[in-house]
Amino acid sequence: GLVATNSDVFVGGNENGFVVTWIDSSNNGWSSFSDDNGSTWSAAIQINSSPLNANSDVYVGGGSGGFVAAMIGSDN
């Protein structure tokens, strides 16, 4: 979906590449991965299983073990 006008975009990286996260206009969280410094990106993957809080962001961090994303659901 389209990126919500109030959504921030967060980037996390590790030795394998970068993950970017954002929220669409339906309050769903998404992520995509690049292993070539942003030249190409994987297909977007929806990362929430229940609706997100309308004021939530999807933060992402990366380390040697992989990536983690954190967000606030509609049930807080």
C-alpha atoms as a PDB file:
ATOM      1  CA  GLY A   1       0.000   0.000   0.000  1.00  0.00           C
ATOM      2  CA  LEU A   2       0.896   3.633  -0.156  1.00  0.00           C
ATOM      3  CA  VAL A   3       3.072   5.030   2.609  1.00  0.00           C
ATOM      4  CA  ALA A   4       0.975   6.963   5.111  1.00  0.00           C
ATOM      5  CA  THR A   5       1.601  10.703   5.001  1.00  0.00           C
ATOM      6  CA  ASN A   6       2.478  10.680   8.715  1.00  0.00           C
ATOM      7  CA  SER A   7       4.730   7.602   8.564  1.00  0.00           C
ATOM      8  CA  ASP A   8       8.405   7.812   9.370  1.00  0.00           C
ATOM      9  CA  VAL A   9      10.863   5.483   7.631  1.00  0.00           C
ATOM     10  CA  PHE A  10      13.406   3.680   9.803  1.00  0.00           C
ATOM     11  CA  VAL A  11      16.539   1.870   8.608  1.00  0.00           C
ATOM     12  CA  GLY A  12      18.558  -0.792  10.416  1.00  0.00           C
ATOM     13  CA  GLY A  13      21.745  -2.345   9.082  1.00  0.00           C
ATOM     14  CA  ASN A  14      24.172  -5.175   9.670  1.00  0.00           C
ATOM     15  CA  GLU A  15      26.959  -6.829   7.697  1.00  0.00           C
ATOM     16  CA  ASN A  16      24.402  -8.371   5.314  1.00  0.00           C
ATOM     17  CA  GLY A  17      22.595  -5.184   4.305  1.00  0.00           C
ATOM     18  CA  PHE A  18      19.786  -2.867   5.348  1.00  0.00           C
ATOM     19  CA  VAL A  19      16.139  -3.244   6.369  1.00  0.00           C
ATOM     20  CA  VAL A  20      13.727  -0.333   6.007  1.00  0.00           C
ATOM     21  CA  THR A  21      10.324  -0.146   7.756  1.00  0.00           C
ATOM     22  CA  TRP A  22       7.270   2.078   7.242  1.00  0.00           C
ATOM     23  CA  ILE A  23       3.492   2.215   7.768  1.00  0.00           C
ATOM     24  CA  ASP A  24       0.981   2.322   4.926  1.00  0.00           C
ATOM     25  CA  SER A  25      -2.225   4.349   4.695  1.00  0.00           C
ATOM     26  CA  SER A  26      -4.164   1.402   6.238  1.00  0.00           C
ATOM     27  CA  ASN A  27      -1.907   1.346   9.354  1.00  0.00           C
ATOM     28  CA  ASN A  28      -0.068  -1.821   8.341  1.00  0.00           C
ATOM     29  CA  GLY A  29       3.670  -2.144   8.974  1.00  0.00           C
ATOM     30  CA  TRP A  30       5.994  -3.131   6.130  1.00  0.00           C
ATOM     31  CA  SER A  31       9.664  -3.930   5.621  1.00  0.00           C
ATOM     32  CA  SER A  32      12.037  -4.398   2.715  1.00  0.00           C
ATOM     33  CA  PHE A  33      15.694  -5.515   2.535  1.00  0.00           C
ATOM     34  CA  SER A  34      18.636  -4.390   0.387  1.00  0.00           C
ATOM     35  CA  ASP A  35      22.006  -6.110   0.172  1.00  0.00           C
ATOM     36  CA  ASP A  36      23.489  -3.721  -2.407  1.00  0.00           C
ATOM     37  CA  ASN A  37      23.403  -0.364  -0.604  1.00  0.00           C
ATOM     38  CA  GLY A  38      19.868   0.450  -1.701  1.00  0.00           C
ATOM     39  CA  SER A  39      20.219  -0.137  -5.448  1.00  0.00           C
ATOM     40  CA  THR A  40      17.591  -2.892  -5.294  1.00  0.00           C
ATOM     41  CA  TRP A  41      15.073  -3.890  -2.609  1.00  0.00           C
ATOM     42  CA  SER A  42      13.194  -7.078  -1.794  1.00  0.00           C
ATOM     43  CA  ALA A  43       9.437  -7.232  -2.241  1.00  0.00           C
ATOM     44  CA  ALA A  44       7.744  -5.475   0.671  1.00  0.00           C
ATOM     45  CA  ILE A  45       6.626  -7.820   3.478  1.00  0.00           C
ATOM     46  CA  GLN A  46       3.781  -6.974   5.856  1.00  0.00           C
ATOM     47  CA  ILE A  47       5.209  -7.452   9.366  1.00  0.00           C
ATOM     48  CA  ASN A  48       2.153  -6.938  11.587  1.00  0.00           C
ATOM     49  CA  SER A  49      -0.507  -9.570  12.220  1.00  0.00           C
ATOM     50  CA  SER A  50      -2.988  -7.237  13.920  1.00  0.00           C
ATOM     51  CA  PRO A  51      -3.809  -3.563  13.233  1.00  0.00           C
ATOM     52  CA  LEU A  52      -1.255  -1.002  14.356  1.00  0.00           C
ATOM     53  CA  ASN A  53      -1.969   1.977  16.561  1.00  0.00           C
ATOM     54  CA  ALA A  54      -2.675   4.971  14.300  1.00  0.00           C
ATOM     55  CA  ASN A  55       0.163   6.899  15.992  1.00  0.00           C
ATOM     56  CA  SER A  56       2.694   4.059  15.920  1.00  0.00           C
ATOM     57  CA  ASP A  57       6.035   3.921  14.138  1.00  0.00           C
ATOM     58  CA  VAL A  58       7.869   0.718  13.178  1.00  0.00           C
ATOM     59  CA  TYR A  59      11.403   0.931  14.540  1.00  0.00           C
ATOM     60  CA  VAL A  60      14.037  -1.480  13.252  1.00  0.00           C
ATOM     61  CA  GLY A  61      17.484  -2.406  14.574  1.00  0.00           C
ATOM     62  CA  GLY A  62      20.129  -4.706  13.137  1.00  0.00           C
ATOM     63  CA  GLY A  63      22.970  -6.704  14.601  1.00  0.00           C
ATOM     64  CA  SER A  64      25.016  -9.818  13.933  1.00  0.00           C
ATOM     65  CA  GLY A  65      22.006 -12.054  14.695  1.00  0.00           C
ATOM     66  CA  GLY A  66      19.656 -10.344  12.234  1.00  0.00           C
ATOM     67  CA  PHE A  67      16.998  -7.662  12.553  1.00  0.00           C
ATOM     68  CA  VAL A  68      14.210  -6.834  14.987  1.00  0.00           C
ATOM     69  CA  ALA A  69      11.227  -4.539  14.453  1.00  0.00           C
ATOM     70  CA  ALA A  70       9.110  -3.011  17.211  1.00  0.00           C
ATOM     71  CA  MET A  71       5.714  -1.344  16.903  1.00  0.00           C
ATOM     72  CA  ILE A  72       2.598  -0.581  18.964  1.00  0.00           C
ATOM     73  CA  GLY A  73      -0.536  -2.539  18.074  1.00  0.00           C
ATOM     74  CA  SER A  74      -4.065  -1.184  18.271  1.00  0.00           C
ATOM     75  CA  ASP A  75      -4.378  -2.999  21.626  1.00  0.00           C
ATOM     76  CA  ASN A  76      -1.209  -1.223  22.865  1.00  0.00           C
END
